[in-house]
Amino acid sequence: MSLVALSLTSPDVSADVGFFQVLGFSLCDLENDRARLIPAVGPELRLERGDLPGLTAIFDGMGPTQDLEGNPLAYDRPTPAAKHGQAIVLGPVYPVVDLPSSVSWYEKQLGLEEVFRDDVTQWAELQDAGERRLVVAFSPDLDTPRMLALQVRDAAAEVERLREYDLEPVWTRGVPWGRMAAYAAPGGLPLLLVERSSSSND
């Protein structure tokens, strides 16, 4: 099964559109509080108006509507994009309480393949046949929200670039395989910039 898009809900679609354009997405459609944002690599973002921020992975075909932890899954056909942006989508990040069980579930139910795991940070990446990824990350009380992860070459340089637009990170931290910087979109959706070290498996 292939990951074709990520559905995002936001109480402020127009502000989020500008935020994602700064991050390197190309705006494909914008109408009636709905927008399509296209990266250079990875699934498109389908942004629509909602009272609360949310993120749902959309696959092609048909399958379960949620995973073991209740994270939402949806299904639709891919939509052609007229223009691609510069952003590289690493994937949606879903919180889980049992990393091995969740990885096994995605492999069996959706046919994804584990391509990276770090047992120190309890972070695992699964990939479809088209090399699009979904991340599962340990959250003991499932109190970590679903996030969108973008891959960048240099997290520190990207943080400085975003400061030119008055965008400040919520936090930055090092991990055994690179660095992360967390942001919040204007509508409240958490977002991670992820820098991979050259020694990590990607």
N, C-alpha and C. Protein backbone atom coordinates (compact mmCIF):
# COMPACT_ATOMS: atom_id res chain seq x y z
N MET A 1 0.84 -1.18 0.00
CA MET A 1 0.00 0.00 0.00
C MET A 1 0.89 1.24 0.00
N SER A 2 0.45 2.30 -0.69
CA SER A 2 1.27 3.50 -0.81
C SER A 2 0.68 4.67 -0.04
N LEU A 3 1.55 5.47 0.56
CA LEU A 3 1.14 6.69 1.24
C LEU A 3 1.02 7.79 0.18
N VAL A 4 -0.20 8.29 -0.04
CA VAL A 4 -0.42 9.23 -1.14
C VAL A 4 -0.55 10.68 -0.67
N ALA A 5 -0.98 10.91 0.55
CA ALA A 5 -1.20 12.27 1.02
C ALA A 5 -1.31 12.29 2.54
N LEU A 6 -1.21 13.49 3.10
CA LEU A 6 -1.45 13.70 4.52
C LEU A 6 -2.55 14.73 4.65
N SER A 7 -3.60 14.39 5.38
CA SER A 7 -4.71 15.30 5.61
C SER A 7 -4.45 16.08 6.89
N LEU A 8 -4.46 17.41 6.79
CA LEU A 8 -4.23 18.28 7.94
C LEU A 8 -5.46 19.14 8.16
N THR A 9 -5.91 19.24 9.41
CA THR A 9 -6.98 20.17 9.75
C THR A 9 -6.40 21.32 10.56
N SER A 10 -6.93 22.50 10.34
CA SER A 10 -6.42 23.69 11.01
C SER A 10 -7.53 24.71 11.18
N PRO A 11 -7.56 25.42 12.30
CA PRO A 11 -8.53 26.51 12.46
C PRO A 11 -8.15 27.75 11.66
N ASP A 12 -6.93 27.78 11.10
CA ASP A 12 -6.47 28.95 10.34
C ASP A 12 -5.74 28.49 9.08
N VAL A 13 -6.51 28.11 8.06
CA VAL A 13 -5.93 27.53 6.84
C VAL A 13 -5.02 28.53 6.13
N SER A 14 -5.45 29.77 5.98
CA SER A 14 -4.65 30.72 5.22
C SER A 14 -3.30 30.99 5.88
N ALA A 15 -3.27 31.09 7.21
CA ALA A 15 -2.00 31.30 7.90
C ALA A 15 -1.09 30.08 7.76
N ASP A 16 -1.68 28.89 7.84
CA ASP A 16 -0.88 27.67 7.69
C ASP A 16 -0.34 27.54 6.28
N VAL A 17 -1.10 27.96 5.27
CA VAL A 17 -0.62 27.91 3.89
C VAL A 17 0.67 28.73 3.77
N GLY A 18 0.67 29.95 4.32
CA GLY A 18 1.86 30.78 4.28
C GLY A 18 3.03 30.14 5.01
N PHE A 19 2.76 29.53 6.16
CA PHE A 19 3.79 28.86 6.94
C PHE A 19 4.44 27.73 6.14
N PHE A 20 3.63 26.90 5.49
CA PHE A 20 4.17 25.78 4.73
C PHE A 20 4.87 26.24 3.46
N GLN A 21 4.45 27.35 2.90
CA GLN A 21 5.17 27.89 1.75
C GLN A 21 6.57 28.35 2.14
N VAL A 22 6.71 28.94 3.33
CA VAL A 22 8.04 29.32 3.83
C VAL A 22 8.91 28.07 3.98
N LEU A 23 8.32 26.95 4.35
CA LEU A 23 9.06 25.70 4.53
C LEU A 23 9.36 24.99 3.22
N GLY A 24 8.90 25.54 2.09
CA GLY A 24 9.28 24.98 0.80
C GLY A 24 8.21 24.20 0.07
N PHE A 25 6.94 24.30 0.48
CA PHE A 25 5.86 23.65 -0.24
C PHE A 25 5.33 24.57 -1.33
N SER A 26 4.90 23.98 -2.42
CA SER A 26 4.26 24.72 -3.50
C SER A 26 2.75 24.65 -3.33
N LEU A 27 2.07 25.79 -3.43
CA LEU A 27 0.61 25.82 -3.33
C LEU A 27 0.01 25.41 -4.67
N CYS A 28 -0.80 24.35 -4.64
CA CYS A 28 -1.41 23.86 -5.86
C CYS A 28 -2.84 24.36 -6.00
N ASP A 29 -3.63 24.26 -4.95
CA ASP A 29 -5.02 24.70 -4.95
C ASP A 29 -5.33 25.41 -3.63
N LEU A 30 -6.17 26.43 -3.70
CA LEU A 30 -6.66 27.10 -2.49
C LEU A 30 -8.06 27.59 -2.78
N GLU A 31 -9.05 27.00 -2.08
CA GLU A 31 -10.44 27.39 -2.31
C GLU A 31 -11.30 26.93 -1.13
N ASN A 32 -12.14 27.84 -0.64
CA ASN A 32 -13.12 27.49 0.40
C ASN A 32 -12.50 26.79 1.60
N ASP A 33 -11.46 27.41 2.15
CA ASP A 33 -10.78 26.85 3.34
C ASP A 33 -10.20 25.47 3.09
N ARG A 34 -9.79 25.21 1.87
CA ARG A 34 -9.09 23.97 1.52
C ARG A 34 -7.87 24.32 0.67
N ALA A 35 -6.80 23.58 0.85
CA ALA A 35 -5.60 23.83 0.07
C ALA A 35 -4.84 22.52 -0.14
N ARG A 36 -4.13 22.46 -1.27
CA ARG A 36 -3.19 21.37 -1.53
C ARG A 36 -1.80 21.97 -1.60
N LEU A 37 -0.88 21.39 -0.84
CA LEU A 37 0.50 21.86 -0.80
C LEU A 37 1.41 20.72 -1.21
N ILE A 38 2.32 20.98 -2.16
CA ILE A 38 3.10 19.92 -2.79
C ILE A 38 4.58 20.09 -2.44
N PRO A 39 5.22 19.04 -1.90
CA PRO A 39 6.65 19.10 -1.62
C PRO A 39 7.46 18.67 -2.85
N ALA A 40 8.78 18.70 -2.72
CA ALA A 40 9.63 18.12 -3.77
C ALA A 40 9.62 16.61 -3.67
N VAL A 41 9.63 16.10 -2.43
CA VAL A 41 9.67 14.67 -2.18
C VAL A 41 8.69 14.34 -1.07
N GLY A 42 7.91 13.28 -1.25
CA GLY A 42 6.98 12.83 -0.22
C GLY A 42 5.54 13.15 -0.57
N PRO A 43 4.63 12.77 0.32
CA PRO A 43 3.20 12.97 0.04
C PRO A 43 2.78 14.43 0.12
N GLU A 44 1.77 14.79 -0.65
CA GLU A 44 1.22 16.14 -0.60
C GLU A 44 0.47 16.36 0.70
N LEU A 45 0.26 17.62 1.06
CA LEU A 45 -0.55 17.98 2.21
C LEU A 45 -1.91 18.44 1.71
N ARG A 46 -2.98 17.91 2.29
CA ARG A 46 -4.33 18.35 2.00
C ARG A 46 -4.86 19.04 3.25
N LEU A 47 -4.86 20.36 3.19
CA LEU A 47 -5.18 21.18 4.36
C LEU A 47 -6.63 21.65 4.27
N GLU A 48 -7.37 21.50 5.36
CA GLU A 48 -8.74 21.98 5.39
C GLU A 48 -9.10 22.53 6.77
N ARG A 49 -10.14 23.35 6.77
CA ARG A 49 -10.58 24.01 8.00
C ARG A 49 -11.14 23.01 8.98
N GLY A 50 -10.70 23.12 10.24
CA GLY A 50 -11.21 22.30 11.32
C GLY A 50 -11.03 23.03 12.63
N ASP A 51 -11.83 22.71 13.62
CA ASP A 51 -11.75 23.41 14.91
C ASP A 51 -10.45 23.14 15.64
N LEU A 52 -9.87 21.95 15.44
CA LEU A 52 -8.64 21.57 16.12
C LEU A 52 -7.61 21.11 15.10
N PRO A 53 -6.31 21.30 15.40
CA PRO A 53 -5.28 20.78 14.50
C PRO A 53 -5.29 19.26 14.48
N GLY A 54 -5.07 18.68 13.32
CA GLY A 54 -5.05 17.22 13.22
C GLY A 54 -4.26 16.77 12.01
N LEU A 55 -3.85 15.51 12.03
CA LEU A 55 -3.07 14.93 10.93
C LEU A 55 -3.51 13.49 10.73
N THR A 56 -3.81 13.12 9.47
CA THR A 56 -4.21 11.77 9.13
C THR A 56 -3.45 11.31 7.90
N ALA A 57 -2.82 10.14 7.96
CA ALA A 57 -2.14 9.56 6.81
C ALA A 57 -3.18 8.97 5.86
N ILE A 58 -3.02 9.26 4.56
CA ILE A 58 -3.94 8.76 3.53
C ILE A 58 -3.18 7.80 2.61
N PHE A 59 -3.69 6.58 2.50
CA PHE A 59 -3.09 5.56 1.65
C PHE A 59 -4.02 5.28 0.47
N ASP A 60 -3.46 4.66 -0.59
CA ASP A 60 -4.33 4.19 -1.66
C ASP A 60 -4.93 2.84 -1.24
N GLY A 61 -5.96 2.40 -1.95
CA GLY A 61 -6.59 1.12 -1.62
C GLY A 61 -7.58 1.25 -0.48
N MET A 62 -7.78 0.15 0.24
CA MET A 62 -8.70 0.10 1.38
C MET A 62 -8.04 -0.67 2.51
N GLY A 63 -8.38 -0.29 3.75
CA GLY A 63 -7.81 -0.97 4.89
C GLY A 63 -8.39 -0.46 6.18
N PRO A 64 -7.73 -0.75 7.33
CA PRO A 64 -8.25 -0.31 8.63
C PRO A 64 -8.25 1.21 8.74
N THR A 65 -9.18 1.73 9.53
CA THR A 65 -9.31 3.18 9.68
C THR A 65 -8.52 3.74 10.86
N GLN A 66 -7.87 2.87 11.61
CA GLN A 66 -6.97 3.33 12.68
C GLN A 66 -5.98 2.23 12.99
N ASP A 67 -4.85 2.62 13.61
CA ASP A 67 -3.85 1.63 13.97
C ASP A 67 -4.09 1.13 15.40
N LEU A 68 -3.12 0.42 15.97
CA LEU A 68 -3.28 -0.17 17.30
C LEU A 68 -3.56 0.86 18.38
N GLU A 69 -3.04 2.08 18.21
CA GLU A 69 -3.18 3.12 19.23
C GLU A 69 -4.33 4.08 18.94
N GLY A 70 -5.08 3.83 17.87
CA GLY A 70 -6.18 4.72 17.51
C GLY A 70 -5.78 5.87 16.61
N ASN A 71 -4.52 5.89 16.13
CA ASN A 71 -4.12 6.92 15.17
C ASN A 71 -4.92 6.73 13.88
N PRO A 72 -5.46 7.81 13.31
CA PRO A 72 -6.37 7.66 12.16
C PRO A 72 -5.64 7.34 10.85
N LEU A 73 -6.30 6.53 10.03
CA LEU A 73 -5.83 6.18 8.69
C LEU A 73 -6.98 6.39 7.72
N ALA A 74 -6.68 6.89 6.53
CA ALA A 74 -7.71 7.12 5.52
C ALA A 74 -7.20 6.62 4.18
N TYR A 75 -8.10 6.58 3.19
CA TYR A 75 -7.76 5.99 1.89
C TYR A 75 -8.34 6.84 0.78
N ASP A 76 -7.56 7.02 -0.29
CA ASP A 76 -7.99 7.82 -1.43
C ASP A 76 -7.02 7.56 -2.58
N ARG A 77 -7.37 8.08 -3.74
CA ARG A 77 -6.49 7.97 -4.89
C ARG A 77 -5.52 9.15 -4.91
N PRO A 78 -4.31 8.94 -5.47
CA PRO A 78 -3.39 10.07 -5.61
C PRO A 78 -3.93 11.09 -6.61
N THR A 79 -3.59 12.35 -6.40
CA THR A 79 -4.03 13.43 -7.28
C THR A 79 -2.81 14.04 -7.96
N PRO A 80 -2.84 14.22 -9.29
CA PRO A 80 -1.67 14.80 -9.96
C PRO A 80 -1.40 16.23 -9.48
N ALA A 81 -0.13 16.57 -9.40
CA ALA A 81 0.28 17.91 -8.97
C ALA A 81 0.90 18.66 -10.15
N ALA A 82 0.53 19.93 -10.29
CA ALA A 82 1.04 20.72 -11.41
C ALA A 82 2.47 21.21 -11.16
N LYS A 83 2.79 21.53 -9.90
CA LYS A 83 4.09 22.12 -9.60
C LYS A 83 4.57 21.61 -8.25
N HIS A 84 5.82 21.18 -8.21
CA HIS A 84 6.40 20.68 -6.97
C HIS A 84 7.21 21.77 -6.27
N GLY A 85 7.22 21.69 -4.95
CA GLY A 85 8.00 22.63 -4.16
C GLY A 85 9.39 22.10 -3.87
N GLN A 86 10.00 22.59 -2.78
CA GLN A 86 11.36 22.20 -2.42
C GLN A 86 11.42 21.37 -1.14
N ALA A 87 10.33 21.31 -0.39
CA ALA A 87 10.33 20.60 0.89
C ALA A 87 10.47 19.10 0.68
N ILE A 88 11.11 18.44 1.64
CA ILE A 88 11.23 16.98 1.65
C ILE A 88 10.47 16.46 2.86
N VAL A 89 9.35 15.76 2.60
CA VAL A 89 8.54 15.22 3.68
C VAL A 89 9.13 13.89 4.13
N LEU A 90 9.56 13.82 5.39
CA LEU A 90 10.01 12.54 5.94
C LEU A 90 8.81 11.65 6.18
N GLY A 91 7.73 12.21 6.75
CA GLY A 91 6.51 11.44 6.94
C GLY A 91 5.72 11.92 8.14
N PRO A 92 4.53 11.38 8.31
CA PRO A 92 3.77 11.65 9.54
C PRO A 92 4.41 10.89 10.69
N VAL A 93 4.33 11.47 11.89
CA VAL A 93 4.86 10.82 13.09
C VAL A 93 3.68 10.49 13.99
N TYR A 94 3.45 9.18 14.21
CA TYR A 94 2.34 8.72 15.04
C TYR A 94 2.87 8.24 16.39
N PRO A 95 2.26 8.69 17.50
CA PRO A 95 2.67 8.20 18.83
C PRO A 95 2.15 6.80 19.09
N VAL A 96 2.98 5.96 19.72
CA VAL A 96 2.59 4.59 20.04
C VAL A 96 3.13 4.22 21.41
N VAL A 97 2.53 3.23 22.06
CA VAL A 97 3.01 2.79 23.38
C VAL A 97 3.88 1.54 23.29
N ASP A 98 3.80 0.80 22.20
CA ASP A 98 4.58 -0.43 22.03
C ASP A 98 5.18 -0.40 20.63
N LEU A 99 6.44 0.03 20.53
CA LEU A 99 7.06 0.23 19.22
C LEU A 99 7.15 -1.05 18.40
N PRO A 100 7.65 -2.17 18.95
CA PRO A 100 7.73 -3.40 18.14
C PRO A 100 6.37 -3.88 17.63
N SER A 101 5.34 -3.82 18.49
CA SER A 101 4.01 -4.26 18.07
C SER A 101 3.45 -3.37 16.97
N SER A 102 3.67 -2.06 17.09
CA SER A 102 3.17 -1.14 16.08
C SER A 102 3.88 -1.33 14.75
N VAL A 103 5.19 -1.52 14.79
CA VAL A 103 5.94 -1.78 13.56
C VAL A 103 5.42 -3.04 12.89
N SER A 104 5.22 -4.09 13.67
CA SER A 104 4.70 -5.35 13.13
C SER A 104 3.31 -5.16 12.53
N TRP A 105 2.47 -4.36 13.18
CA TRP A 105 1.11 -4.13 12.69
C TRP A 105 1.13 -3.45 11.33
N TYR A 106 1.94 -2.41 11.18
CA TYR A 106 2.02 -1.71 9.89
C TYR A 106 2.60 -2.59 8.80
N GLU A 107 3.53 -3.46 9.17
CA GLU A 107 4.09 -4.37 8.17
C GLU A 107 3.03 -5.37 7.69
N LYS A 108 2.25 -5.91 8.62
CA LYS A 108 1.26 -6.93 8.26
C LYS A 108 0.00 -6.35 7.65
N GLN A 109 -0.49 -5.24 8.20
CA GLN A 109 -1.77 -4.69 7.76
C GLN A 109 -1.67 -3.84 6.49
N LEU A 110 -0.57 -3.06 6.36
CA LEU A 110 -0.45 -2.14 5.23
C LEU A 110 0.72 -2.47 4.30
N GLY A 111 1.47 -3.52 4.63
CA GLY A 111 2.55 -3.93 3.74
C GLY A 111 3.76 -3.01 3.75
N LEU A 112 3.91 -2.19 4.80
CA LEU A 112 5.07 -1.32 4.89
C LEU A 112 6.27 -2.11 5.40
N GLU A 113 7.47 -1.59 5.14
CA GLU A 113 8.70 -2.26 5.55
C GLU A 113 9.51 -1.36 6.47
N GLU A 114 9.96 -1.91 7.60
CA GLU A 114 10.80 -1.13 8.49
C GLU A 114 12.15 -0.88 7.82
N VAL A 115 12.58 0.41 7.78
CA VAL A 115 13.85 0.77 7.15
C VAL A 115 14.80 1.45 8.12
N PHE A 116 14.30 1.88 9.28
CA PHE A 116 15.17 2.51 10.27
C PHE A 116 14.52 2.40 11.64
N ARG A 117 15.37 2.07 12.65
CA ARG A 117 14.88 2.07 14.03
C ARG A 117 16.00 2.48 14.96
N ASP A 118 15.67 3.33 15.93
CA ASP A 118 16.61 3.70 16.97
C ASP A 118 15.97 3.37 18.31
N ASP A 119 16.54 2.41 19.02
CA ASP A 119 15.96 1.97 20.28
C ASP A 119 16.21 2.95 21.42
N VAL A 120 17.18 3.87 21.26
CA VAL A 120 17.44 4.86 22.29
C VAL A 120 16.31 5.89 22.32
N THR A 121 15.96 6.42 21.16
CA THR A 121 14.89 7.42 21.09
C THR A 121 13.52 6.79 20.86
N GLN A 122 13.49 5.45 20.63
CA GLN A 122 12.23 4.74 20.37
C GLN A 122 11.50 5.36 19.17
N TRP A 123 12.21 5.38 18.07
CA TRP A 123 11.75 5.99 16.82
C TRP A 123 11.95 4.97 15.71
N ALA A 124 10.93 4.69 14.92
CA ALA A 124 11.05 3.73 13.82
C ALA A 124 10.39 4.30 12.57
N GLU A 125 11.00 4.03 11.42
CA GLU A 125 10.48 4.49 10.15
C GLU A 125 10.12 3.30 9.27
N LEU A 126 8.91 3.36 8.70
CA LEU A 126 8.45 2.33 7.78
C LEU A 126 8.26 2.96 6.41
N GLN A 127 8.45 2.16 5.38
CA GLN A 127 8.46 2.69 4.02
C GLN A 127 7.58 1.85 3.11
N ASP A 128 6.87 2.53 2.18
CA ASP A 128 6.09 1.81 1.19
C ASP A 128 6.95 1.52 -0.03
N ALA A 129 6.37 0.92 -1.06
CA ALA A 129 7.14 0.56 -2.25
C ALA A 129 7.67 1.79 -2.99
N GLY A 130 7.00 2.92 -2.82
CA GLY A 130 7.43 4.16 -3.45
C GLY A 130 8.39 4.97 -2.61
N GLU A 131 8.90 4.37 -1.51
CA GLU A 131 9.88 4.98 -0.61
C GLU A 131 9.31 6.17 0.17
N ARG A 132 8.00 6.22 0.36
CA ARG A 132 7.39 7.21 1.24
C ARG A 132 7.26 6.61 2.63
N ARG A 133 7.55 7.41 3.63
CA ARG A 133 7.69 6.88 4.99
C ARG A 133 6.61 7.33 5.95
N LEU A 134 6.37 6.49 6.94
CA LEU A 134 5.54 6.78 8.10
C LEU A 134 6.39 6.47 9.32
N VAL A 135 6.35 7.35 10.31
CA VAL A 135 7.17 7.19 11.51
C VAL A 135 6.27 6.83 12.69
N VAL A 136 6.71 5.87 13.50
CA VAL A 136 6.06 5.60 14.78
C VAL A 136 7.08 5.90 15.88
N ALA A 137 6.64 6.63 16.91
CA ALA A 137 7.54 7.05 17.98
C ALA A 137 6.89 6.76 19.33
N PHE A 138 7.70 6.26 20.26
CA PHE A 138 7.19 5.87 21.57
C PHE A 138 6.69 7.07 22.36
N SER A 139 5.49 6.96 22.90
CA SER A 139 4.89 7.96 23.78
C SER A 139 4.14 7.20 24.86
N PRO A 140 4.71 7.09 26.07
CA PRO A 140 4.16 6.17 27.08
C PRO A 140 2.70 6.38 27.42
N ASP A 141 2.25 7.62 27.43
CA ASP A 141 0.85 7.90 27.77
C ASP A 141 0.06 8.41 26.57
N LEU A 142 0.64 8.25 25.37
CA LEU A 142 0.02 8.75 24.13
C LEU A 142 -0.33 10.23 24.26
N ASP A 143 0.53 10.96 25.03
CA ASP A 143 0.26 12.39 25.22
C ASP A 143 1.03 13.26 24.24
N THR A 144 1.82 12.63 23.37
CA THR A 144 2.51 13.37 22.32
C THR A 144 1.59 13.47 21.11
N PRO A 145 1.38 14.66 20.56
CA PRO A 145 0.47 14.77 19.42
C PRO A 145 1.08 14.20 18.14
N ARG A 146 0.22 13.88 17.18
CA ARG A 146 0.69 13.50 15.86
C ARG A 146 1.40 14.69 15.23
N MET A 147 2.50 14.42 14.52
CA MET A 147 3.33 15.49 13.97
C MET A 147 3.64 15.22 12.50
N LEU A 148 4.05 16.26 11.81
CA LEU A 148 4.56 16.16 10.46
C LEU A 148 6.07 16.36 10.52
N ALA A 149 6.85 15.43 9.95
CA ALA A 149 8.31 15.53 9.96
C ALA A 149 8.82 15.86 8.57
N LEU A 150 9.66 16.90 8.49
CA LEU A 150 10.33 17.27 7.25
C LEU A 150 11.82 17.01 7.39
N GLN A 151 12.43 16.49 6.35
CA GLN A 151 13.86 16.22 6.39
C GLN A 151 14.62 17.43 5.83
N VAL A 152 15.67 17.85 6.56
CA VAL A 152 16.50 18.97 6.14
C VAL A 152 17.96 18.55 6.20
N ARG A 153 18.81 19.24 5.42
CA ARG A 153 20.23 18.91 5.41
C ARG A 153 20.94 19.41 6.67
N ASP A 154 20.55 20.62 7.13
CA ASP A 154 21.23 21.26 8.26
C ASP A 154 20.17 21.93 9.12
N ALA A 155 19.82 21.30 10.24
CA ALA A 155 18.75 21.82 11.09
C ALA A 155 19.09 23.19 11.65
N ALA A 156 20.34 23.39 12.08
CA ALA A 156 20.73 24.68 12.66
C ALA A 156 20.61 25.80 11.63
N ALA A 157 21.03 25.54 10.40
CA ALA A 157 20.93 26.55 9.35
C ALA A 157 19.47 26.84 9.02
N GLU A 158 18.64 25.82 9.06
CA GLU A 158 17.22 26.02 8.76
C GLU A 158 16.54 26.82 9.86
N VAL A 159 16.93 26.59 11.11
CA VAL A 159 16.39 27.37 12.22
C VAL A 159 16.73 28.85 12.03
N GLU A 160 17.97 29.12 11.65
CA GLU A 160 18.37 30.52 11.43
C GLU A 160 17.62 31.13 10.25
N ARG A 161 17.42 30.37 9.19
CA ARG A 161 16.67 30.88 8.03
C ARG A 161 15.23 31.22 8.43
N LEU A 162 14.60 30.34 9.21
CA LEU A 162 13.21 30.57 9.61
C LEU A 162 13.08 31.76 10.56
N ARG A 163 14.14 32.06 11.31
CA ARG A 163 14.11 33.23 12.20
C ARG A 163 13.98 34.53 11.39
N GLU A 164 14.43 34.50 10.15
CA GLU A 164 14.28 35.68 9.29
C GLU A 164 12.81 35.97 9.00
N TYR A 165 11.97 34.95 9.17
CA TYR A 165 10.52 35.11 9.00
C TYR A 165 9.81 35.20 10.35
N ASP A 166 10.59 35.44 11.40
CA ASP A 166 10.05 35.52 12.78
C ASP A 166 9.42 34.21 13.22
N LEU A 167 9.96 33.10 12.75
CA LEU A 167 9.50 31.77 13.16
C LEU A 167 10.53 31.16 14.09
N GLU A 168 10.15 30.98 15.35
CA GLU A 168 11.06 30.45 16.36
C GLU A 168 10.72 29.00 16.68
N PRO A 169 11.73 28.14 16.90
CA PRO A 169 11.44 26.76 17.27
C PRO A 169 10.87 26.64 18.68
N VAL A 170 10.06 25.63 18.91
CA VAL A 170 9.57 25.31 20.26
C VAL A 170 10.72 24.72 21.07
N TRP A 171 11.49 23.83 20.44
CA TRP A 171 12.69 23.27 21.04
C TRP A 171 13.61 22.73 19.94
N THR A 172 14.88 22.56 20.28
CA THR A 172 15.84 21.87 19.42
C THR A 172 16.58 20.86 20.27
N ARG A 173 16.96 19.75 19.67
CA ARG A 173 17.71 18.75 20.44
C ARG A 173 18.47 17.81 19.50
N GLY A 174 19.55 17.26 20.05
CA GLY A 174 20.31 16.25 19.34
C GLY A 174 19.79 14.86 19.65
N VAL A 175 19.87 13.98 18.67
CA VAL A 175 19.54 12.56 18.85
C VAL A 175 20.73 11.75 18.33
N PRO A 176 20.83 10.46 18.65
CA PRO A 176 22.01 9.70 18.23
C PRO A 176 22.27 9.71 16.72
N TRP A 177 21.24 9.94 15.95
CA TRP A 177 21.38 9.87 14.49
C TRP A 177 21.18 11.23 13.80
N GLY A 178 21.22 12.34 14.57
CA GLY A 178 21.08 13.65 13.93
C GLY A 178 20.58 14.71 14.89
N ARG A 179 19.80 15.65 14.36
CA ARG A 179 19.24 16.73 15.17
C ARG A 179 17.78 16.97 14.77
N MET A 180 17.00 17.52 15.72
CA MET A 180 15.61 17.86 15.48
C MET A 180 15.33 19.28 15.95
N ALA A 181 14.39 19.92 15.27
CA ALA A 181 13.88 21.22 15.71
C ALA A 181 12.37 21.17 15.57
N ALA A 182 11.66 21.50 16.65
CA ALA A 182 10.20 21.43 16.65
C ALA A 182 9.61 22.82 16.45
N TYR A 183 8.56 22.88 15.63
CA TYR A 183 7.83 24.13 15.39
C TYR A 183 6.34 23.85 15.55
N ALA A 184 5.57 24.92 15.62
CA ALA A 184 4.12 24.82 15.61
C ALA A 184 3.58 25.71 14.50
N ALA A 185 2.78 25.13 13.62
CA ALA A 185 2.13 25.91 12.58
C ALA A 185 1.15 26.89 13.23
N PRO A 186 0.77 27.97 12.54
CA PRO A 186 -0.17 28.94 13.14
C PRO A 186 -1.45 28.30 13.66
N GLY A 187 -1.93 27.24 12.98
CA GLY A 187 -3.14 26.56 13.42
C GLY A 187 -2.92 25.58 14.55
N GLY A 188 -1.66 25.39 14.97
CA GLY A 188 -1.36 24.53 16.12
C GLY A 188 -0.76 23.19 15.80
N LEU A 189 -0.67 22.80 14.52
CA LEU A 189 -0.11 21.49 14.19
C LEU A 189 1.38 21.44 14.49
N PRO A 190 1.86 20.47 15.29
CA PRO A 190 3.29 20.34 15.56
C PRO A 190 4.02 19.83 14.32
N LEU A 191 5.23 20.34 14.14
CA LEU A 191 6.05 19.98 12.99
C LEU A 191 7.48 19.79 13.44
N LEU A 192 8.17 18.79 12.88
CA LEU A 192 9.56 18.52 13.21
C LEU A 192 10.44 18.70 11.98
N LEU A 193 11.53 19.42 12.13
CA LEU A 193 12.59 19.43 11.14
C LEU A 193 13.62 18.40 11.59
N VAL A 194 13.97 17.47 10.71
CA VAL A 194 14.85 16.36 11.09
C VAL A 194 16.09 16.37 10.20
N GLU A 195 17.24 16.45 10.83
CA GLU A 195 18.52 16.35 10.13
C GLU A 195 19.10 14.97 10.40
N ARG A 196 19.44 14.24 9.34
CA ARG A 196 20.01 12.91 9.49
C ARG A 196 21.53 13.00 9.39
N SER A 197 22.25 12.35 10.30
CA SER A 197 23.70 12.28 10.20
C SER A 197 24.08 11.33 9.07
N SER A 198 25.28 11.49 8.55
CA SER A 198 25.70 10.67 7.42
C SER A 198 25.84 9.20 7.79
N SER A 199 25.97 8.90 9.09
CA SER A 199 26.14 7.51 9.52
C SER A 199 24.81 6.80 9.78
N SER A 200 23.67 7.56 9.77
CA SER A 200 22.38 6.92 10.03
C SER A 200 21.87 6.20 8.81
N ASN A 201 21.03 5.22 9.02
CA ASN A 201 20.48 4.44 7.92
C ASN A 201 19.34 5.21 7.28
N ASP A 202 19.50 5.67 6.06
CA ASP A 202 18.43 6.31 5.34
C ASP A 202 18.52 5.86 3.92
